[in-house]
Amino acid sequence: MSKQLMQSDPGVMMGKPVVRGTRITVEAILRKLSSGEPIEQVLDSHPRLTREAVLAALEYAADAMAHETVHSVGDPEEG
């Protein structure tokens, strides 16, 4: 069900995945949340978003990462 809330169309935001019916990208949602913005603030900033859509964006991102190739980025302790 939540996957139906996401859409990727070359004619919308250059094909980046967005919340269906908006131009709000999954990337934008992730960046806001990762910077510490609470879901409530994201929803206030984007009245067309719903909590379900934000959670669907997180699920979409998790599913995308599950299919990524893992690359070592090195040990942060090594500098």
N, C-alpha and C. Protein backbone atom coordinates (compact mmCIF):
# COMPACT_ATOMS: atom_id res chain seq x y z
N MET A 1 0.82 -1.20 0.00
CA MET A 1 0.00 0.00 0.00
C MET A 1 0.86 1.25 0.00
N SER A 2 1.87 1.33 0.89
CA SER A 2 2.66 2.55 0.99
C SER A 2 3.50 2.78 -0.26
N LYS A 3 3.85 1.71 -0.98
CA LYS A 3 4.63 1.89 -2.20
C LYS A 3 3.82 2.63 -3.26
N GLN A 4 2.51 2.56 -3.16
CA GLN A 4 1.66 3.28 -4.10
C GLN A 4 1.73 4.79 -3.88
N LEU A 5 2.23 5.21 -2.72
CA LEU A 5 2.36 6.63 -2.44
C LEU A 5 3.58 7.25 -3.11
N MET A 6 4.51 6.42 -3.59
CA MET A 6 5.72 6.90 -4.23
C MET A 6 5.57 6.81 -5.74
N GLN A 7 6.26 7.72 -6.43
CA GLN A 7 6.21 7.73 -7.88
C GLN A 7 7.55 8.21 -8.41
N SER A 8 7.96 7.64 -9.52
CA SER A 8 9.16 8.10 -10.21
C SER A 8 8.79 8.29 -11.68
N ASP A 9 8.81 9.54 -12.12
CA ASP A 9 8.39 9.89 -13.48
C ASP A 9 9.43 10.84 -14.05
N PRO A 10 9.99 10.52 -15.20
CA PRO A 10 11.01 11.40 -15.78
C PRO A 10 10.54 12.85 -15.96
N GLY A 11 9.24 13.07 -16.04
CA GLY A 11 8.70 14.41 -16.21
C GLY A 11 8.50 15.18 -14.91
N VAL A 12 8.76 14.51 -13.79
CA VAL A 12 8.58 15.15 -12.47
C VAL A 12 9.90 15.08 -11.72
N MET A 13 10.46 16.22 -11.39
CA MET A 13 11.71 16.31 -10.61
C MET A 13 12.82 15.44 -11.21
N MET A 14 12.92 15.45 -12.53
CA MET A 14 13.95 14.71 -13.27
C MET A 14 13.95 13.21 -12.94
N GLY A 15 12.78 12.67 -12.59
CA GLY A 15 12.67 11.24 -12.35
C GLY A 15 13.00 10.79 -10.95
N LYS A 16 13.38 11.73 -10.07
CA LYS A 16 13.64 11.34 -8.68
C LYS A 16 12.35 10.84 -8.06
N PRO A 17 12.43 9.88 -7.15
CA PRO A 17 11.20 9.42 -6.50
C PRO A 17 10.58 10.53 -5.65
N VAL A 18 9.28 10.70 -5.82
CA VAL A 18 8.53 11.74 -5.11
C VAL A 18 7.29 11.11 -4.49
N VAL A 19 6.69 11.85 -3.57
CA VAL A 19 5.39 11.47 -3.04
C VAL A 19 4.38 11.74 -4.16
N ARG A 20 3.63 10.72 -4.52
CA ARG A 20 2.68 10.82 -5.64
C ARG A 20 1.80 12.06 -5.49
N GLY A 21 1.67 12.79 -6.60
CA GLY A 21 0.83 13.98 -6.62
C GLY A 21 1.50 15.23 -6.10
N THR A 22 2.80 15.11 -5.76
CA THR A 22 3.56 16.28 -5.27
C THR A 22 4.89 16.33 -6.01
N ARG A 23 5.64 17.34 -5.71
CA ARG A 23 7.01 17.45 -6.20
C ARG A 23 7.98 17.32 -5.03
N ILE A 24 7.52 16.69 -3.96
CA ILE A 24 8.34 16.52 -2.76
C ILE A 24 9.09 15.21 -2.89
N THR A 25 10.42 15.31 -2.99
CA THR A 25 11.24 14.12 -3.23
C THR A 25 11.48 13.35 -1.94
N VAL A 26 11.72 12.06 -2.12
CA VAL A 26 12.12 11.22 -1.00
C VAL A 26 13.41 11.78 -0.41
N GLU A 27 14.30 12.22 -1.26
CA GLU A 27 15.57 12.80 -0.80
C GLU A 27 15.33 13.99 0.12
N ALA A 28 14.42 14.89 -0.24
CA ALA A 28 14.15 16.07 0.58
C ALA A 28 13.62 15.66 1.96
N ILE A 29 12.75 14.67 1.97
CA ILE A 29 12.19 14.18 3.24
C ILE A 29 13.31 13.60 4.10
N LEU A 30 14.16 12.78 3.50
CA LEU A 30 15.26 12.16 4.24
C LEU A 30 16.22 13.21 4.79
N ARG A 31 16.54 14.21 3.98
CA ARG A 31 17.46 15.26 4.43
C ARG A 31 16.88 16.03 5.62
N LYS A 32 15.61 16.35 5.56
CA LYS A 32 14.98 17.07 6.66
C LYS A 32 15.00 16.23 7.93
N LEU A 33 14.63 14.97 7.82
CA LEU A 33 14.60 14.10 8.99
C LEU A 33 16.02 13.87 9.53
N SER A 34 16.99 13.70 8.63
CA SER A 34 18.36 13.43 9.09
C SER A 34 19.01 14.64 9.74
N SER A 35 18.49 15.83 9.43
CA SER A 35 19.03 17.03 10.07
C SER A 35 18.38 17.27 11.44
N GLY A 36 17.48 16.36 11.82
CA GLY A 36 16.86 16.46 13.14
C GLY A 36 15.47 17.07 13.14
N GLU A 37 14.97 17.41 11.96
CA GLU A 37 13.63 17.99 11.89
C GLU A 37 12.60 16.91 12.25
N PRO A 38 11.74 17.18 13.22
CA PRO A 38 10.72 16.18 13.57
C PRO A 38 9.68 16.03 12.46
N ILE A 39 9.07 14.86 12.39
CA ILE A 39 8.06 14.61 11.36
C ILE A 39 6.99 15.69 11.38
N GLU A 40 6.59 16.12 12.56
CA GLU A 40 5.54 17.14 12.67
C GLU A 40 5.94 18.43 11.95
N GLN A 41 7.22 18.80 12.05
CA GLN A 41 7.70 20.00 11.39
C GLN A 41 7.73 19.82 9.87
N VAL A 42 8.12 18.63 9.41
CA VAL A 42 8.10 18.32 7.98
C VAL A 42 6.67 18.44 7.46
N LEU A 43 5.73 17.90 8.22
CA LEU A 43 4.32 17.97 7.82
C LEU A 43 3.82 19.41 7.81
N ASP A 44 4.23 20.21 8.79
CA ASP A 44 3.83 21.62 8.82
C ASP A 44 4.40 22.39 7.63
N SER A 45 5.63 22.04 7.23
CA SER A 45 6.29 22.73 6.11
C SER A 45 5.68 22.35 4.77
N HIS A 46 5.08 21.17 4.71
CA HIS A 46 4.53 20.64 3.45
C HIS A 46 3.12 20.14 3.71
N PRO A 47 2.15 21.04 3.66
CA PRO A 47 0.77 20.67 4.01
C PRO A 47 0.17 19.53 3.18
N ARG A 48 0.71 19.28 2.00
CA ARG A 48 0.18 18.18 1.17
C ARG A 48 0.70 16.82 1.60
N LEU A 49 1.72 16.80 2.47
CA LEU A 49 2.27 15.54 2.97
C LEU A 49 1.40 15.00 4.10
N THR A 50 1.42 13.69 4.23
CA THR A 50 0.78 13.04 5.36
C THR A 50 1.85 12.24 6.10
N ARG A 51 1.56 11.89 7.33
CA ARG A 51 2.48 11.04 8.10
C ARG A 51 2.72 9.73 7.35
N GLU A 52 1.66 9.18 6.77
CA GLU A 52 1.78 7.93 6.01
C GLU A 52 2.75 8.10 4.84
N ALA A 53 2.73 9.25 4.17
CA ALA A 53 3.63 9.50 3.05
C ALA A 53 5.08 9.61 3.52
N VAL A 54 5.31 10.25 4.66
CA VAL A 54 6.68 10.36 5.20
C VAL A 54 7.19 8.96 5.54
N LEU A 55 6.37 8.15 6.18
CA LEU A 55 6.78 6.79 6.51
C LEU A 55 6.99 5.95 5.25
N ALA A 56 6.18 6.19 4.23
CA ALA A 56 6.36 5.49 2.96
C ALA A 56 7.68 5.88 2.31
N ALA A 57 8.07 7.15 2.45
CA ALA A 57 9.36 7.60 1.90
C ALA A 57 10.51 6.89 2.61
N LEU A 58 10.39 6.73 3.92
CA LEU A 58 11.42 6.00 4.68
C LEU A 58 11.48 4.54 4.23
N GLU A 59 10.33 3.94 4.05
CA GLU A 59 10.28 2.54 3.59
C GLU A 59 10.89 2.42 2.20
N TYR A 60 10.57 3.36 1.31
CA TYR A 60 11.11 3.37 -0.04
C TYR A 60 12.64 3.43 0.00
N ALA A 61 13.16 4.34 0.83
CA ALA A 61 14.61 4.49 0.94
C ALA A 61 15.26 3.22 1.50
N ALA A 62 14.64 2.62 2.50
CA ALA A 62 15.18 1.38 3.08
C ALA A 62 15.20 0.27 2.04
N ASP A 63 14.13 0.17 1.27
CA ASP A 63 14.07 -0.86 0.22
C ASP A 63 15.14 -0.61 -0.84
N ALA A 64 15.35 0.66 -1.20
CA ALA A 64 16.38 1.00 -2.19
C ALA A 64 17.76 0.64 -1.67
N MET A 65 18.02 0.91 -0.40
CA MET A 65 19.32 0.59 0.20
C MET A 65 19.53 -0.92 0.29
N ALA A 66 18.47 -1.67 0.44
CA ALA A 66 18.59 -3.12 0.54
C ALA A 66 19.14 -3.73 -0.75
N HIS A 67 19.01 -3.00 -1.85
CA HIS A 67 19.47 -3.51 -3.14
C HIS A 67 20.76 -2.84 -3.61
N GLU A 68 21.36 -2.03 -2.76
CA GLU A 68 22.61 -1.34 -3.11
C GLU A 68 23.80 -2.28 -2.94
N THR A 69 24.85 -2.02 -3.71
CA THR A 69 26.11 -2.72 -3.54
C THR A 69 26.86 -2.05 -2.39
N VAL A 70 27.40 -2.86 -1.51
CA VAL A 70 28.11 -2.32 -0.35
C VAL A 70 29.55 -2.01 -0.74
N HIS A 71 29.98 -0.79 -0.40
CA HIS A 71 31.35 -0.35 -0.66
C HIS A 71 31.95 0.08 0.67
N SER A 72 33.16 -0.34 0.93
CA SER A 72 33.84 0.07 2.16
C SER A 72 34.23 1.54 2.06
N VAL A 73 33.96 2.28 3.12
CA VAL A 73 34.34 3.69 3.14
C VAL A 73 35.51 3.92 4.07
N GLY A 74 36.06 2.87 4.57
CA GLY A 74 37.23 3.00 5.44
C GLY A 74 36.84 3.15 6.89
N ASP A 75 37.82 2.97 7.73
CA ASP A 75 37.62 3.07 9.17
C ASP A 75 37.81 4.52 9.59
N PRO A 76 36.79 5.14 10.21
CA PRO A 76 36.94 6.55 10.61
C PRO A 76 38.07 6.76 11.63
N GLU A 77 38.45 5.72 12.33
CA GLU A 77 39.54 5.81 13.31
C GLU A 77 40.90 5.98 12.63
N GLU A 78 40.98 5.55 11.35
CA GLU A 78 42.24 5.61 10.62
C GLU A 78 42.50 7.00 10.03
N GLY A 79 41.48 7.87 10.05
CA GLY A 79 41.65 9.25 9.62
C GLY A 79 41.57 9.43 8.18
